Amino acid sequence: MSNYIKVFSGNFIEVQRIFTELQNLNICAIIKDESESGRLAGFGASIQGLQEIHVHKEELEKVTPIIKSLTSELELD
């Protein structure tokens, strides 16, 4: 069982914006790109460009309000 949990999924630009903000706050986040992994393995992907951000379960409580705030900003842009 993984110690990381998905906190956001979206397109490349949204994911990079949130990932960078989390890094600036010293939160260790991981970007998971299923479509790129599948492409590299020779398989097609159903949703191109969709990426996920995962954080350690211990940081989930800290990250949740940050993600909500950032996604609200993205919706306004």
Protein backbone atom coordinates (compact mmCIF):
# COMPACT_ATOMS: atom_id res chain seq x y z
CA MET A 1 0.00 0.00 0.00
CA SER A 2 1.33 3.40 -0.99
CA ASN A 3 2.00 6.18 1.48
CA TYR A 4 1.01 8.72 -1.18
CA ILE A 5 -2.50 9.86 -2.02
CA LYS A 6 -3.91 11.71 -5.03
CA VAL A 7 -4.90 15.30 -4.19
CA PHE A 8 -5.48 16.76 -7.66
CA SER A 9 -5.81 15.81 -11.31
CA GLY A 10 -5.89 18.12 -14.28
CA ASN A 11 -4.06 19.27 -17.37
CA PHE A 12 -0.34 19.94 -17.55
CA ILE A 13 -0.60 23.68 -16.87
CA GLU A 14 -2.87 23.31 -13.82
CA VAL A 15 -0.72 20.54 -12.39
CA GLN A 16 2.51 22.51 -12.88
CA ARG A 17 1.01 25.59 -11.19
CA ILE A 18 -0.12 23.62 -8.13
CA PHE A 19 3.03 21.48 -8.01
CA THR A 20 5.24 24.58 -8.02
CA GLU A 21 3.20 26.20 -5.25
CA LEU A 22 3.46 23.05 -3.12
CA GLN A 23 7.23 22.95 -3.67
CA ASN A 24 7.45 26.61 -2.60
CA LEU A 25 5.72 25.59 0.65
CA ASN A 26 8.23 22.72 1.17
CA ILE A 27 5.62 20.06 0.50
CA CYS A 28 6.96 16.98 -1.25
CA ALA A 29 4.60 16.24 -4.12
CA ILE A 30 4.82 13.76 -6.99
CA ILE A 31 3.36 14.18 -10.48
CA LYS A 32 1.94 11.01 -11.99
CA ASP A 33 1.25 10.97 -15.73
CA GLU A 34 -0.56 7.79 -16.74
CA SER A 35 -0.79 8.75 -20.41
CA GLU A 36 2.96 9.34 -20.67
CA SER A 37 3.73 6.08 -18.86
CA GLY A 38 1.42 4.21 -21.22
CA ARG A 39 2.88 5.90 -24.28
CA LEU A 40 6.40 5.00 -23.25
CA ALA A 41 5.33 1.39 -22.72
CA GLY A 42 3.74 1.30 -26.19
CA PHE A 43 0.11 1.56 -25.12
CA GLY A 44 -2.38 4.25 -26.06
CA ALA A 45 -3.98 6.43 -23.39
CA SER A 46 -7.66 7.25 -23.19
CA ILE A 47 -7.15 10.75 -21.77
CA GLN A 48 -4.16 12.60 -23.16
CA GLY A 49 -2.48 15.16 -20.96
CA LEU A 50 -4.26 14.34 -17.69
CA GLN A 51 -1.83 14.32 -14.79
CA GLU A 52 -2.19 13.73 -11.06
CA ILE A 53 -0.51 15.23 -8.02
CA HIS A 54 0.16 12.90 -5.11
CA VAL A 55 1.40 13.87 -1.64
CA HIS A 56 2.41 11.85 1.40
CA LYS A 57 -0.59 10.88 3.53
CA GLU A 58 0.92 12.71 6.53
CA GLU A 59 0.72 16.00 4.60
CA LEU A 60 -2.85 15.55 3.37
CA GLU A 61 -4.44 17.70 6.08
CA LYS A 62 -1.96 20.51 5.36
CA VAL A 63 -2.35 20.26 1.57
CA THR A 64 -6.16 20.07 1.27
CA PRO A 65 -6.90 23.78 1.96
CA ILE A 66 -4.00 24.82 -0.29
CA ILE A 67 -5.37 22.73 -3.19
CA LYS A 68 -8.87 24.17 -2.66
CA SER A 69 -7.51 27.73 -2.72
CA LEU A 70 -5.39 27.15 -5.83
CA THR A 71 -8.17 25.42 -7.76
CA SER A 72 -10.49 28.33 -6.96
CA GLU A 73 -7.88 30.68 -8.45
CA LEU A 74 -7.57 28.48 -11.55
CA GLU A 75 -11.34 28.55 -12.09
CA LEU A 76 -11.29 32.36 -12.03
CA ASP A 77 -8.51 32.59 -14.66
